[in-house]
PDB file of N, CA and C in Angstrom:
ATOM      1  N   MET A   1      -7.620 -44.601  19.969  1.00  0.00           N
ATOM      2  CA  MET A   1      -8.472 -43.737  19.189  1.00  0.00           C
ATOM      3  C   MET A   1      -9.084 -42.633  20.059  1.00  0.00           C
ATOM      4  N   ARG A   2      -9.541 -43.026  21.246  1.00  0.00           N
ATOM      5  CA  ARG A   2     -10.133 -42.036  22.150  1.00  0.00           C
ATOM      6  C   ARG A   2      -9.109 -40.974  22.547  1.00  0.00           C
ATOM      7  N   PHE A   3      -7.859 -41.384  22.759  1.00  0.00           N
ATOM      8  CA  PHE A   3      -6.780 -40.465  23.111  1.00  0.00           C
ATOM      9  C   PHE A   3      -6.559 -39.430  22.004  1.00  0.00           C
ATOM     10  N   ILE A   4      -6.601 -39.853  20.770  1.00  0.00           N
ATOM     11  CA  ILE A   4      -6.416 -38.940  19.632  1.00  0.00           C
ATOM     12  C   ILE A   4      -7.573 -37.941  19.547  1.00  0.00           C
ATOM     13  N   LEU A   5      -8.795 -38.376  19.759  1.00  0.00           N
ATOM     14  CA  LEU A   5      -9.951 -37.475  19.739  1.00  0.00           C
ATOM     15  C   LEU A   5      -9.849 -36.434  20.853  1.00  0.00           C
ATOM     16  N   GLU A   6      -9.378 -36.837  22.038  1.00  0.00           N
ATOM     17  CA  GLU A   6      -9.210 -35.886  23.137  1.00  0.00           C
ATOM     18  C   GLU A   6      -8.125 -34.860  22.807  1.00  0.00           C
ATOM     19  N   GLN A   7      -7.059 -35.280  22.154  1.00  0.00           N
ATOM     20  CA  GLN A   7      -6.008 -34.335  21.746  1.00  0.00           C
ATOM     21  C   GLN A   7      -6.529 -33.352  20.697  1.00  0.00           C
ATOM     22  N   ILE A   8      -7.300 -33.836  19.748  1.00  0.00           N
ATOM     23  CA  ILE A   8      -7.878 -32.953  18.725  1.00  0.00           C
ATOM     24  C   ILE A   8      -8.826 -31.961  19.385  1.00  0.00           C
ATOM     25  N   ARG A   9      -9.663 -32.443  20.304  1.00  0.00           N
ATOM     26  CA  ARG A   9     -10.586 -31.561  21.008  1.00  0.00           C
ATOM     27  C   ARG A   9      -9.824 -30.502  21.815  1.00  0.00           C
ATOM     28  N   PHE A  10      -8.750 -30.907  22.478  1.00  0.00           N
ATOM     29  CA  PHE A  10      -7.921 -29.977  23.241  1.00  0.00           C
ATOM     30  C   PHE A  10      -7.290 -28.930  22.326  1.00  0.00           C
ATOM     31  N   CYS A  11      -6.772 -29.368  21.187  1.00  0.00           N
ATOM     32  CA  CYS A  11      -6.159 -28.428  20.234  1.00  0.00           C
ATOM     33  C   CYS A  11      -7.185 -27.424  19.701  1.00  0.00           C
ATOM     34  N   LEU A  12      -8.383 -27.898  19.397  1.00  0.00           N
ATOM     35  CA  LEU A  12      -9.450 -26.995  18.937  1.00  0.00           C
ATOM     36  C   LEU A  12      -9.824 -25.987  20.015  1.00  0.00           C
ATOM     37  N   LEU A  13      -9.858 -26.431  21.260  1.00  0.00           N
ATOM     38  CA  LEU A  13     -10.151 -25.529  22.374  1.00  0.00           C
ATOM     39  C   LEU A  13      -9.080 -24.454  22.483  1.00  0.00           C
ATOM     40  N   VAL A  14      -7.806 -24.845  22.386  1.00  0.00           N
ATOM     41  CA  VAL A  14      -6.699 -23.877  22.456  1.00  0.00           C
ATOM     42  C   VAL A  14      -6.794 -22.876  21.309  1.00  0.00           C
ATOM     43  N   VAL A  15      -7.081 -23.362  20.111  1.00  0.00           N
ATOM     44  CA  VAL A  15      -7.205 -22.467  18.949  1.00  0.00           C
ATOM     45  C   VAL A  15      -8.368 -21.503  19.145  1.00  0.00           C
ATOM     46  N   CYS A  16      -9.498 -21.984  19.606  1.00  0.00           N
ATOM     47  CA  CYS A  16     -10.654 -21.113  19.858  1.00  0.00           C
ATOM     48  C   CYS A  16     -10.353 -20.062  20.917  1.00  0.00           C
ATOM     49  N   LEU A  17      -9.678 -20.472  21.996  1.00  0.00           N
ATOM     50  CA  LEU A  17      -9.304 -19.502  23.036  1.00  0.00           C
ATOM     51  C   LEU A  17      -8.332 -18.460  22.498  1.00  0.00           C
ATOM     52  N   PHE A  18      -7.379 -18.888  21.679  1.00  0.00           N
ATOM     53  CA  PHE A  18      -6.431 -17.944  21.097  1.00  0.00           C
ATOM     54  C   PHE A  18      -7.143 -16.937  20.204  1.00  0.00           C
ATOM     55  N   ILE A  19      -8.041 -17.440  19.372  1.00  0.00           N
ATOM     56  CA  ILE A  19      -8.773 -16.531  18.484  1.00  0.00           C
ATOM     57  C   ILE A  19      -9.623 -15.560  19.296  1.00  0.00           C
ATOM     58  N   THR A  20     -10.318 -16.065  20.293  1.00  0.00           N
ATOM     59  CA  THR A  20     -11.206 -15.216  21.090  1.00  0.00           C
ATOM     60  C   THR A  20     -10.443 -14.187  21.909  1.00  0.00           C
ATOM     61  N   PHE A  21      -9.446 -14.617  22.655  1.00  0.00           N
ATOM     62  CA  PHE A  21      -8.752 -13.714  23.559  1.00  0.00           C
ATOM     63  C   PHE A  21      -7.527 -13.069  22.933  1.00  0.00           C
ATOM     64  N   GLY A  22      -6.826 -13.790  22.101  1.00  0.00           N
ATOM     65  CA  GLY A  22      -5.630 -13.238  21.461  1.00  0.00           C
ATOM     66  C   GLY A  22      -5.950 -12.078  20.555  1.00  0.00           C
ATOM     67  N   LEU A  23      -6.980 -12.225  19.726  1.00  0.00           N
ATOM     68  CA  LEU A  23      -7.367 -11.133  18.849  1.00  0.00           C
ATOM     69  C   LEU A  23      -7.994  -9.999  19.630  1.00  0.00           C
ATOM     70  N   GLY A  24      -8.694 -10.317  20.714  1.00  0.00           N
ATOM     71  CA  GLY A  24      -9.295  -9.271  21.545  1.00  0.00           C
ATOM     72  C   GLY A  24      -8.254  -8.386  22.188  1.00  0.00           C
ATOM     73  N   ILE A  25      -7.131  -8.964  22.640  1.00  0.00           N
ATOM     74  CA  ILE A  25      -6.055  -8.178  23.235  1.00  0.00           C
ATOM     75  C   ILE A  25      -5.435  -7.261  22.187  1.00  0.00           C
ATOM     76  N   HIS A  26      -5.260  -7.770  20.990  1.00  0.00           N
ATOM     77  CA  HIS A  26      -4.700  -6.953  19.909  1.00  0.00           C
ATOM     78  C   HIS A  26      -5.620  -5.774  19.580  1.00  0.00           C
ATOM     79  N   ALA A  27      -6.918  -6.012  19.546  1.00  0.00           N
ATOM     80  CA  ALA A  27      -7.864  -4.951  19.197  1.00  0.00           C
ATOM     81  C   ALA A  27      -7.902  -3.856  20.259  1.00  0.00           C
ATOM     82  N   GLN A  28      -7.586  -4.177  21.510  1.00  0.00           N
ATOM     83  CA  GLN A  28      -7.614  -3.172  22.559  1.00  0.00           C
ATOM     84  C   GLN A  28      -6.528  -2.123  22.368  1.00  0.00           C
ATOM     85  N   ASN A  29      -5.447  -2.451  21.681  1.00  0.00           N
ATOM     86  CA  ASN A  29      -4.356  -1.514  21.477  1.00  0.00           C
ATOM     87  C   ASN A  29      -4.589  -0.564  20.304  1.00  0.00           C
ATOM     88  N   GLU A  30      -5.619  -0.809  19.510  1.00  0.00           N
ATOM     89  CA  GLU A  30      -5.897   0.034  18.369  1.00  0.00           C
ATOM     90  C   GLU A  30      -6.887   1.122  18.751  1.00  0.00           C
ATOM     91  N   THR A  31      -6.733   2.282  18.130  1.00  0.00           N
ATOM     92  CA  THR A  31      -7.634   3.392  18.378  1.00  0.00           C
ATOM     93  C   THR A  31      -8.718   3.398  17.307  1.00  0.00           C
ATOM     94  N   VAL A  32      -9.957   3.393  17.732  1.00  0.00           N
ATOM     95  CA  VAL A  32     -11.081   3.462  16.813  1.00  0.00           C
ATOM     96  C   VAL A  32     -11.715   4.830  16.979  1.00  0.00           C
ATOM     97  N   ARG A  33     -11.884   5.529  15.861  1.00  0.00           N
ATOM     98  CA  ARG A  33     -12.430   6.878  15.913  1.00  0.00           C
ATOM     99  C   ARG A  33     -13.573   6.979  14.929  1.00  0.00           C
ATOM    100  N   SER A  34     -14.722   7.422  15.406  1.00  0.00           N
ATOM    101  CA  SER A  34     -15.873   7.612  14.538  1.00  0.00           C
ATOM    102  C   SER A  34     -15.994   9.089  14.193  1.00  0.00           C
ATOM    103  N   VAL A  35     -16.149   9.373  12.922  1.00  0.00           N
ATOM    104  CA  VAL A  35     -16.326  10.748  12.466  1.00  0.00           C
ATOM    105  C   VAL A  35     -17.537  10.775  11.554  1.00  0.00           C
ATOM    106  N   VAL A  36     -18.478  11.645  11.845  1.00  0.00           N
ATOM    107  CA  VAL A  36     -19.649  11.785  10.999  1.00  0.00           C
ATOM    108  C   VAL A  36     -19.290  12.711   9.842  1.00  0.00           C
ATOM    109  N   GLN A  37     -19.424  12.202   8.632  1.00  0.00           N
ATOM    110  CA  GLN A  37     -19.117  12.969   7.435  1.00  0.00           C
ATOM    111  C   GLN A  37     -20.377  13.742   7.036  1.00  0.00           C
ATOM    112  N   THR A  38     -20.418  15.041   7.364  1.00  0.00           N
ATOM    113  CA  THR A  38     -21.614  15.829   7.071  1.00  0.00           C
ATOM    114  C   THR A  38     -21.551  16.507   5.708  1.00  0.00           C
ATOM    115  N   GLY A  39     -20.361  16.879   5.272  1.00  0.00           N
ATOM    116  CA  GLY A  39     -20.224  17.517   3.969  1.00  0.00           C
ATOM    117  C   GLY A  39     -20.896  18.874   3.913  1.00  0.00           C
ATOM    118  N   HIS A  40     -21.220  19.312   2.705  1.00  0.00           N
ATOM    119  CA  HIS A  40     -21.867  20.608   2.482  1.00  0.00           C
ATOM    120  C   HIS A  40     -23.342  20.411   2.179  1.00  0.00           C
ATOM    121  N   SER A  41     -24.143  21.382   2.592  1.00  0.00           N
ATOM    122  CA  SER A  41     -25.577  21.336   2.289  1.00  0.00           C
ATOM    123  C   SER A  41     -25.957  22.399   1.264  1.00  0.00           C
ATOM    124  N   THR A  42     -25.013  23.265   0.897  1.00  0.00           N
ATOM    125  CA  THR A  42     -25.271  24.286  -0.124  1.00  0.00           C
ATOM    126  C   THR A  42     -24.181  24.221  -1.195  1.00  0.00           C
ATOM    127  N   THR A  43     -24.315  25.047  -2.207  1.00  0.00           N
ATOM    128  CA  THR A  43     -23.401  25.061  -3.347  1.00  0.00           C
ATOM    129  C   THR A  43     -22.000  25.493  -2.943  1.00  0.00           C
ATOM    130  N   ILE A  44     -20.991  24.843  -3.516  1.00  0.00           N
ATOM    131  CA  ILE A  44     -19.593  25.218  -3.290  1.00  0.00           C
ATOM    132  C   ILE A  44     -19.308  26.482  -4.091  1.00  0.00           C
ATOM    133  N   LYS A  45     -18.734  27.492  -3.413  1.00  0.00           N
ATOM    134  CA  LYS A  45     -18.401  28.723  -4.132  1.00  0.00           C
ATOM    135  C   LYS A  45     -16.905  28.933  -4.318  1.00  0.00           C
ATOM    136  N   ASP A  46     -16.068  28.180  -3.601  1.00  0.00           N
ATOM    137  CA  ASP A  46     -14.627  28.269  -3.808  1.00  0.00           C
ATOM    138  C   ASP A  46     -13.965  27.002  -3.262  1.00  0.00           C
ATOM    139  N   TYR A  47     -12.776  26.717  -3.769  1.00  0.00           N
ATOM    140  CA  TYR A  47     -11.983  25.589  -3.283  1.00  0.00           C
ATOM    141  C   TYR A  47     -10.514  25.873  -3.553  1.00  0.00           C
ATOM    142  N   ASP A  48      -9.646  25.148  -2.849  1.00  0.00           N
ATOM    143  CA  ASP A  48      -8.204  25.226  -3.094  1.00  0.00           C
ATOM    144  C   ASP A  48      -7.594  23.884  -2.714  1.00  0.00           C
ATOM    145  N   ILE A  49      -6.533  23.505  -3.432  1.00  0.00           N
ATOM    146  CA  ILE A  49      -5.812  22.270  -3.167  1.00  0.00           C
ATOM    147  C   ILE A  49      -4.457  22.640  -2.580  1.00  0.00           C
ATOM    148  N   SER A  50      -4.063  21.956  -1.508  1.00  0.00           N
ATOM    149  CA  SER A  50      -2.783  22.254  -0.851  1.00  0.00           C
ATOM    150  C   SER A  50      -1.617  21.932  -1.783  1.00  0.00           C
ATOM    151  N   ALA A  51      -0.506  22.637  -1.595  1.00  0.00           N
ATOM    152  CA  ALA A  51       0.681  22.474  -2.449  1.00  0.00           C
ATOM    153  C   ALA A  51       1.248  21.059  -2.375  1.00  0.00           C
ATOM    154  N   ASP A  52       1.109  20.408  -1.213  1.00  0.00           N
ATOM    155  CA  ASP A  52       1.635  19.046  -1.083  1.00  0.00           C
ATOM    156  C   ASP A  52       0.660  17.988  -1.604  1.00  0.00           C
ATOM    157  N   GLY A  53      -0.523  18.416  -2.026  1.00  0.00           N
ATOM    158  CA  GLY A  53      -1.497  17.500  -2.596  1.00  0.00           C
ATOM    159  C   GLY A  53      -2.216  16.620  -1.595  1.00  0.00           C
ATOM    160  N   LYS A  54      -2.100  16.937  -0.305  1.00  0.00           N
ATOM    161  CA  LYS A  54      -2.741  16.113   0.726  1.00  0.00           C
ATOM    162  C   LYS A  54      -4.177  16.537   1.030  1.00  0.00           C
ATOM    163  N   TYR A  55      -4.489  17.819   0.837  1.00  0.00           N
ATOM    164  CA  TYR A  55      -5.781  18.351   1.255  1.00  0.00           C
ATOM    165  C   TYR A  55      -6.448  19.154   0.146  1.00  0.00           C
ATOM    166  N   VAL A  56      -7.768  19.215   0.228  1.00  0.00           N
ATOM    167  CA  VAL A  56      -8.544  20.166  -0.557  1.00  0.00           C
ATOM    168  C   VAL A  56      -9.486  20.857   0.427  1.00  0.00           C
ATOM    169  N   ALA A  57      -9.590  22.170   0.296  1.00  0.00           N
ATOM    170  CA  ALA A  57     -10.501  22.945   1.139  1.00  0.00           C
ATOM    171  C   ALA A  57     -11.651  23.419   0.270  1.00  0.00           C
ATOM    172  N   THR A  58     -12.864  23.328   0.795  1.00  0.00           N
ATOM    173  CA  THR A  58     -14.046  23.771   0.068  1.00  0.00           C
ATOM    174  C   THR A  58     -14.812  24.778   0.904  1.00  0.00           C
ATOM    175  N   LEU A  59     -15.386  25.770   0.241  1.00  0.00           N
ATOM    176  CA  LEU A  59     -16.169  26.833   0.883  1.00  0.00           C
ATOM    177  C   LEU A  59     -17.539  26.847   0.230  1.00  0.00           C
ATOM    178  N   ASP A  60     -18.606  26.768   1.033  1.00  0.00           N
ATOM    179  CA  ASP A  60     -19.944  26.786   0.444  1.00  0.00           C
ATOM    180  C   ASP A  60     -20.636  28.130   0.695  1.00  0.00           C
ATOM    181  N   ARG A  61     -21.826  28.275   0.163  1.00  0.00           N
ATOM    182  CA  ARG A  61     -22.575  29.540   0.246  1.00  0.00           C
ATOM    183  C   ARG A  61     -23.027  29.874   1.661  1.00  0.00           C
ATOM    184  N   SER A  62     -23.026  28.906   2.575  1.00  0.00           N
ATOM    185  CA  SER A  62     -23.391  29.188   3.971  1.00  0.00           C
ATOM    186  C   SER A  62     -22.162  29.525   4.813  1.00  0.00           C
ATOM    187  N   ASN A  63     -20.999  29.733   4.147  1.00  0.00           N
ATOM    188  CA  ASN A  63     -19.717  30.074   4.787  1.00  0.00           C
ATOM    189  C   ASN A  63     -19.111  28.925   5.592  1.00  0.00           C
ATOM    190  N   LYS A  64     -19.511  27.719   5.276  1.00  0.00           N
ATOM    191  CA  LYS A  64     -18.921  26.530   5.905  1.00  0.00           C
ATOM    192  C   LYS A  64     -17.699  26.126   5.084  1.00  0.00           C
ATOM    193  N   ILE A  65     -16.570  25.977   5.775  1.00  0.00           N
ATOM    194  CA  ILE A  65     -15.322  25.577   5.137  1.00  0.00           C
ATOM    195  C   ILE A  65     -14.969  24.188   5.653  1.00  0.00           C
ATOM    196  N   ILE A  66     -14.693  23.282   4.720  1.00  0.00           N
ATOM    197  CA  ILE A  66     -14.286  21.929   5.101  1.00  0.00           C
ATOM    198  C   ILE A  66     -12.947  21.622   4.449  1.00  0.00           C
ATOM    199  N   ILE A  67     -12.033  21.091   5.250  1.00  0.00           N
ATOM    200  CA  ILE A  67     -10.769  20.592   4.717  1.00  0.00           C
ATOM    201  C   ILE A  67     -10.902  19.077   4.630  1.00  0.00           C
ATOM    202  N   TRP A  68     -10.634  18.543   3.449  1.00  0.00           N
ATOM    203  CA  TRP A  68     -10.761  17.118   3.166  1.00  0.00           C
ATOM    204  C   TRP A  68      -9.374  16.522   2.945  1.00  0.00           C
ATOM    205  N   ARG A  69      -9.185  15.293   3.364  1.00  0.00           N
ATOM    206  CA  ARG A  69      -7.958  14.551   3.024  1.00  0.00           C
ATOM    207  C   ARG A  69      -8.188  13.913   1.662  1.00  0.00           C
ATOM    208  N   LEU A  70      -7.345  14.279   0.705  1.00  0.00           N
ATOM    209  CA  LEU A  70      -7.534  13.768  -0.644  1.00  0.00           C
ATOM    210  C   LEU A  70      -7.335  12.265  -0.738  1.00  0.00           C
ATOM    211  N   LYS A  71      -6.403  11.722   0.028  1.00  0.00           N
ATOM    212  CA  LYS A  71      -6.098  10.293  -0.052  1.00  0.00           C
ATOM    213  C   LYS A  71      -7.290   9.437   0.364  1.00  0.00           C
ATOM    214  N   THR A  72      -8.010   9.868   1.401  1.00  0.00           N
ATOM    215  CA  THR A  72      -9.114   9.068   1.927  1.00  0.00           C
ATOM    216  C   THR A  72     -10.486   9.611   1.548  1.00  0.00           C
ATOM    217  N   GLY A  73     -10.560  10.903   1.222  1.00  0.00           N
ATOM    218  CA  GLY A  73     -11.848  11.523   0.931  1.00  0.00           C
ATOM    219  C   GLY A  73     -12.627  11.894   2.183  1.00  0.00           C
ATOM    220  N   HIS A  74     -11.987  11.790   3.344  1.00  0.00           N
ATOM    221  CA  HIS A  74     -12.656  12.100   4.608  1.00  0.00           C
ATOM    222  C   HIS A  74     -12.450  13.552   5.022  1.00  0.00           C
ATOM    223  N   GLN A  75     -13.422  14.054   5.779  1.00  0.00           N
ATOM    224  CA  GLN A  75     -13.298  15.392   6.348  1.00  0.00           C
ATOM    225  C   GLN A  75     -12.187  15.397   7.381  1.00  0.00           C
ATOM    226  N   TYR A  76     -11.399  16.488   7.382  1.00  0.00           N
ATOM    227  CA  TYR A  76     -10.312  16.624   8.340  1.00  0.00           C
ATOM    228  C   TYR A  76     -10.620  17.736   9.338  1.00  0.00           C
ATOM    229  N   ARG A  77     -11.002  18.898   8.835  1.00  0.00           N
ATOM    230  CA  ARG A  77     -11.355  20.045   9.686  1.00  0.00           C
ATOM    231  C   ARG A  77     -12.586  20.731   9.114  1.00  0.00           C
ATOM    232  N   GLU A  78     -13.255  21.468   9.987  1.00  0.00           N
ATOM    233  CA  GLU A  78     -14.417  22.239   9.561  1.00  0.00           C
ATOM    234  C   GLU A  78     -14.420  23.583  10.280  1.00  0.00           C
ATOM    235  N   PHE A  79     -14.689  24.653   9.532  1.00  0.00           N
ATOM    236  CA  PHE A  79     -14.744  26.001  10.078  1.00  0.00           C
ATOM    237  C   PHE A  79     -15.999  26.695   9.567  1.00  0.00           C
ATOM    238  N   ASN A  80     -16.463  27.684  10.309  1.00  0.00           N
ATOM    239  CA  ASN A  80     -17.503  28.587   9.841  1.00  0.00           C
ATOM    240  C   ASN A  80     -16.978  29.994  10.022  1.00  0.00           C
ATOM    241  N   VAL A  81     -16.855  30.717   8.920  1.00  0.00           N
ATOM    242  CA  VAL A  81     -16.326  32.085   8.964  1.00  0.00           C
ATOM    243  C   VAL A  81     -17.301  32.978   8.205  1.00  0.00           C
ATOM    244  N   ASP A  82     -17.889  33.953   8.904  1.00  0.00           N
ATOM    245  CA  ASP A  82     -18.860  34.861   8.283  1.00  0.00           C
ATOM    246  C   ASP A  82     -18.241  35.635   7.123  1.00  0.00           C
ATOM    247  N   ASN A  83     -19.035  35.878   6.109  1.00  0.00           N
ATOM    248  CA  ASN A  83     -18.670  36.677   4.938  1.00  0.00           C
ATOM    249  C   ASN A  83     -17.447  36.144   4.196  1.00  0.00           C
ATOM    250  N   SER A  84     -17.241  34.840   4.197  1.00  0.00           N
ATOM    251  CA  SER A  84     -16.090  34.250   3.496  1.00  0.00           C
ATOM    252  C   SER A  84     -16.270  34.379   1.989  1.00  0.00           C
ATOM    253  N   ASN A  85     -15.192  34.815   1.310  1.00  0.00           N
ATOM    254  CA  ASN A  85     -15.237  34.955  -0.144  1.00  0.00           C
ATOM    255  C   ASN A  85     -14.309  33.977  -0.851  1.00  0.00           C
ATOM    256  N   LYS A  86     -13.078  33.847  -0.349  1.00  0.00           N
ATOM    257  CA  LYS A  86     -12.055  33.022  -0.986  1.00  0.00           C
ATOM    258  C   LYS A  86     -11.282  32.268   0.091  1.00  0.00           C
ATOM    259  N   ILE A  87     -10.707  31.132  -0.307  1.00  0.00           N
ATOM    260  CA  ILE A  87      -9.852  30.362   0.592  1.00  0.00           C
ATOM    261  C   ILE A  87      -8.573  29.976  -0.147  1.00  0.00           C
ATOM    262  N   TYR A  88      -7.461  29.988   0.585  1.00  0.00           N
ATOM    263  CA  TYR A  88      -6.154  29.661   0.009  1.00  0.00           C
ATOM    264  C   TYR A  88      -5.313  28.896   1.036  1.00  0.00           C
ATOM    265  N   PHE A  89      -4.634  27.846   0.585  1.00  0.00           N
ATOM    266  CA  PHE A  89      -3.617  27.216   1.411  1.00  0.00           C
ATOM    267  C   PHE A  89      -2.324  28.001   1.268  1.00  0.00           C
ATOM    268  N   ASN A  90      -1.515  28.044   2.324  1.00  0.00           N
ATOM    269  CA  ASN A  90      -0.193  28.654   2.189  1.00  0.00           C
ATOM    270  C   ASN A  90       0.732  27.675   1.457  1.00  0.00           C
ATOM    271  N   SER A  91       1.914  28.140   1.087  1.00  0.00           N
ATOM    272  CA  SER A  91       2.825  27.320   0.283  1.00  0.00           C
ATOM    273  C   SER A  91       3.387  26.113   1.035  1.00  0.00           C
ATOM    274  N   HIS A  92       3.333  26.138   2.365  1.00  0.00           N
ATOM    275  CA  HIS A  92       3.823  25.017   3.165  1.00  0.00           C
ATOM    276  C   HIS A  92       2.719  24.009   3.486  1.00  0.00           C
ATOM    277  N   SER A  93       1.516  24.303   3.068  1.00  0.00           N
ATOM    278  CA  SER A  93       0.339  23.441   3.291  1.00  0.00           C
ATOM    279  C   SER A  93       0.033  23.209   4.764  1.00  0.00           C
ATOM    280  N   ASN A  94       0.389  24.164   5.626  1.00  0.00           N
ATOM    281  CA  ASN A  94       0.097  24.002   7.055  1.00  0.00           C
ATOM    282  C   ASN A  94      -0.879  25.051   7.585  1.00  0.00           C
ATOM    283  N   ALA A  95      -1.354  25.948   6.717  1.00  0.00           N
ATOM    284  CA  ALA A  95      -2.313  26.975   7.127  1.00  0.00           C
ATOM    285  C   ALA A  95      -3.298  27.241   6.001  1.00  0.00           C
ATOM    286  N   LEU A  96      -4.496  27.672   6.381  1.00  0.00           N
ATOM    287  CA  LEU A  96      -5.534  28.036   5.421  1.00  0.00           C
ATOM    288  C   LEU A  96      -5.900  29.492   5.639  1.00  0.00           C
ATOM    289  N   LEU A  97      -5.810  30.299   4.591  1.00  0.00           N
ATOM    290  CA  LEU A  97      -6.178  31.709   4.643  1.00  0.00           C
ATOM    291  C   LEU A  97      -7.599  31.849   4.128  1.00  0.00           C
ATOM    292  N   VAL A  98      -8.421  32.559   4.891  1.00  0.00           N
ATOM    293  CA  VAL A  98      -9.811  32.801   4.509  1.00  0.00           C
ATOM    294  C   VAL A  98      -9.988  34.305   4.339  1.00  0.00           C
ATOM    295  N   VAL A  99     -10.409  34.730   3.150  1.00  0.00           N
ATOM    296  CA  VAL A  99     -10.641  36.147   2.860  1.00  0.00           C
ATOM    297  C   VAL A  99     -12.112  36.427   3.101  1.00  0.00           C
ATOM    298  N   CYS A 100     -12.368  37.432   3.948  1.00  0.00           N
ATOM    299  CA  CYS A 100     -13.732  37.800   4.336  1.00  0.00           C
ATOM    300  C   CYS A 100     -13.931  39.285   4.048  1.00  0.00           C
ATOM    301  N   GLY A 101     -14.315  39.641   2.836  1.00  0.00           N
ATOM    302  CA  GLY A 101     -14.455  41.043   2.474  1.00  0.00           C
ATOM    303  C   GLY A 101     -13.103  41.729   2.550  1.00  0.00           C
ATOM    304  N   ARG A 102     -12.961  42.722   3.443  1.00  0.00           N
ATOM    305  CA  ARG A 102     -11.689  43.429   3.622  1.00  0.00           C
ATOM    306  C   ARG A 102     -10.823  42.799   4.708  1.00  0.00           C
ATOM    307  N   ASN A 103     -11.319  41.780   5.355  1.00  0.00           N
ATOM    308  CA  ASN A 103     -10.594  41.107   6.430  1.00  0.00           C
ATOM    309  C   ASN A 103     -10.116  39.728   5.968  1.00  0.00           C
ATOM    310  N   SER A 104      -9.125  39.214   6.670  1.00  0.00           N
ATOM    311  CA  SER A 104      -8.627  37.863   6.408  1.00  0.00           C
ATOM    312  C   SER A 104      -8.296  37.194   7.733  1.00  0.00           C
ATOM    313  N   VAL A 105      -8.416  35.879   7.743  1.00  0.00           N
ATOM    314  CA  VAL A 105      -8.091  35.097   8.930  1.00  0.00           C
ATOM    315  C   VAL A 105      -7.357  33.839   8.465  1.00  0.00           C
ATOM    316  N   ALA A 106      -6.356  33.411   9.260  1.00  0.00           N
ATOM    317  CA  ALA A 106      -5.598  32.209   8.929  1.00  0.00           C
ATOM    318  C   ALA A 106      -5.796  31.177  10.037  1.00  0.00           C
ATOM    319  N   PHE A 107      -5.954  29.919   9.623  1.00  0.00           N
ATOM    320  CA  PHE A 107      -6.137  28.802  10.549  1.00  0.00           C
ATOM    321  C   PHE A 107      -4.995  27.807  10.395  1.00  0.00           C
ATOM    322  N   ASP A 108      -4.530  27.288  11.518  1.00  0.00           N
ATOM    323  CA  ASP A 108      -3.545  26.208  11.505  1.00  0.00           C
ATOM    324  C   ASP A 108      -4.272  24.918  11.128  1.00  0.00           C
ATOM    325  N   ILE A 109      -3.780  24.231  10.120  1.00  0.00           N
ATOM    326  CA  ILE A 109      -4.459  23.023   9.636  1.00  0.00           C
ATOM    327  C   ILE A 109      -4.397  21.904  10.684  1.00  0.00           C
ATOM    328  N   ALA A 110      -3.265  21.734  11.338  1.00  0.00           N
ATOM    329  CA  ALA A 110      -3.083  20.621  12.280  1.00  0.00           C
ATOM    330  C   ALA A 110      -3.976  20.753  13.510  1.00  0.00           C
ATOM    331  N   THR A 111      -4.125  21.976  14.037  1.00  0.00           N
ATOM    332  CA  THR A 111      -4.884  22.166  15.275  1.00  0.00           C
ATOM    333  C   THR A 111      -6.288  22.700  15.045  1.00  0.00           C
ATOM    334  N   GLY A 112      -6.506  23.358  13.916  1.00  0.00           N
ATOM    335  CA  GLY A 112      -7.790  23.987  13.650  1.00  0.00           C
ATOM    336  C   GLY A 112      -7.956  25.328  14.333  1.00  0.00           C
ATOM    337  N   LYS A 113      -6.918  25.807  14.990  1.00  0.00           N
ATOM    338  CA  LYS A 113      -6.995  27.080  15.715  1.00  0.00           C
ATOM    339  C   LYS A 113      -6.653  28.264  14.809  1.00  0.00           C
ATOM    340  N   ARG A 114      -7.276  29.412  15.123  1.00  0.00           N
ATOM    341  CA  ARG A 114      -6.988  30.630  14.398  1.00  0.00           C
ATOM    342  C   ARG A 114      -5.598  31.113  14.784  1.00  0.00           C
ATOM    343  N   ILE A 115      -4.760  31.437  13.795  1.00  0.00           N
ATOM    344  CA  ILE A 115      -3.403  31.868  14.106  1.00  0.00           C
ATOM    345  C   ILE A 115      -3.148  33.332  13.769  1.00  0.00           C
ATOM    346  N   CYS A 116      -3.935  33.914  12.859  1.00  0.00           N
ATOM    347  CA  CYS A 116      -3.758  35.322  12.489  1.00  0.00           C
ATOM    348  C   CYS A 116      -5.092  35.915  12.059  1.00  0.00           C
ATOM    349  N   TYR A 117      -5.188  37.234  12.227  1.00  0.00           N
ATOM    350  CA  TYR A 117      -6.354  37.972  11.750  1.00  0.00           C
ATOM    351  C   TYR A 117      -5.885  39.315  11.228  1.00  0.00           C
ATOM    352  N   TRP A 118      -6.302  39.674  10.028  1.00  0.00           N
ATOM    353  CA  TRP A 118      -5.949  40.971   9.448  1.00  0.00           C
ATOM    354  C   TRP A 118      -7.221  41.704   9.098  1.00  0.00           C
ATOM    355  N   SER A 119      -7.216  43.010   9.362  1.00  0.00           N
ATOM    356  CA  SER A 119      -8.376  43.818   8.972  1.00  0.00           C
ATOM    357  C   SER A 119      -7.929  45.079   8.280  1.00  0.00           C
TER     358      SER A 119
END
């Protein structure tokens, strides 16, 4: 009887060690990223949905532009462009055009970098 109790205790110890260290090793390979979802603080004045249906871009009265992932509802990119009036995704859904009075600027969605400027 004592031998059986020692085997059960040993098996429980092995299971506990596996859970503690085995799961810890697995978690180290995953990337955890924290993103603060700030959203808009003023009224939305324009929006556009990408042709592929993956993103929606919103423009508020303070000229803050946010690109949201529709599937998750999370913010993807954020821009501030002075005098912004309208926003449009291109037909390939990889760029966002921002109309600013008589000027326009285009941003690459993947990198967030400005790719074109027209005046």
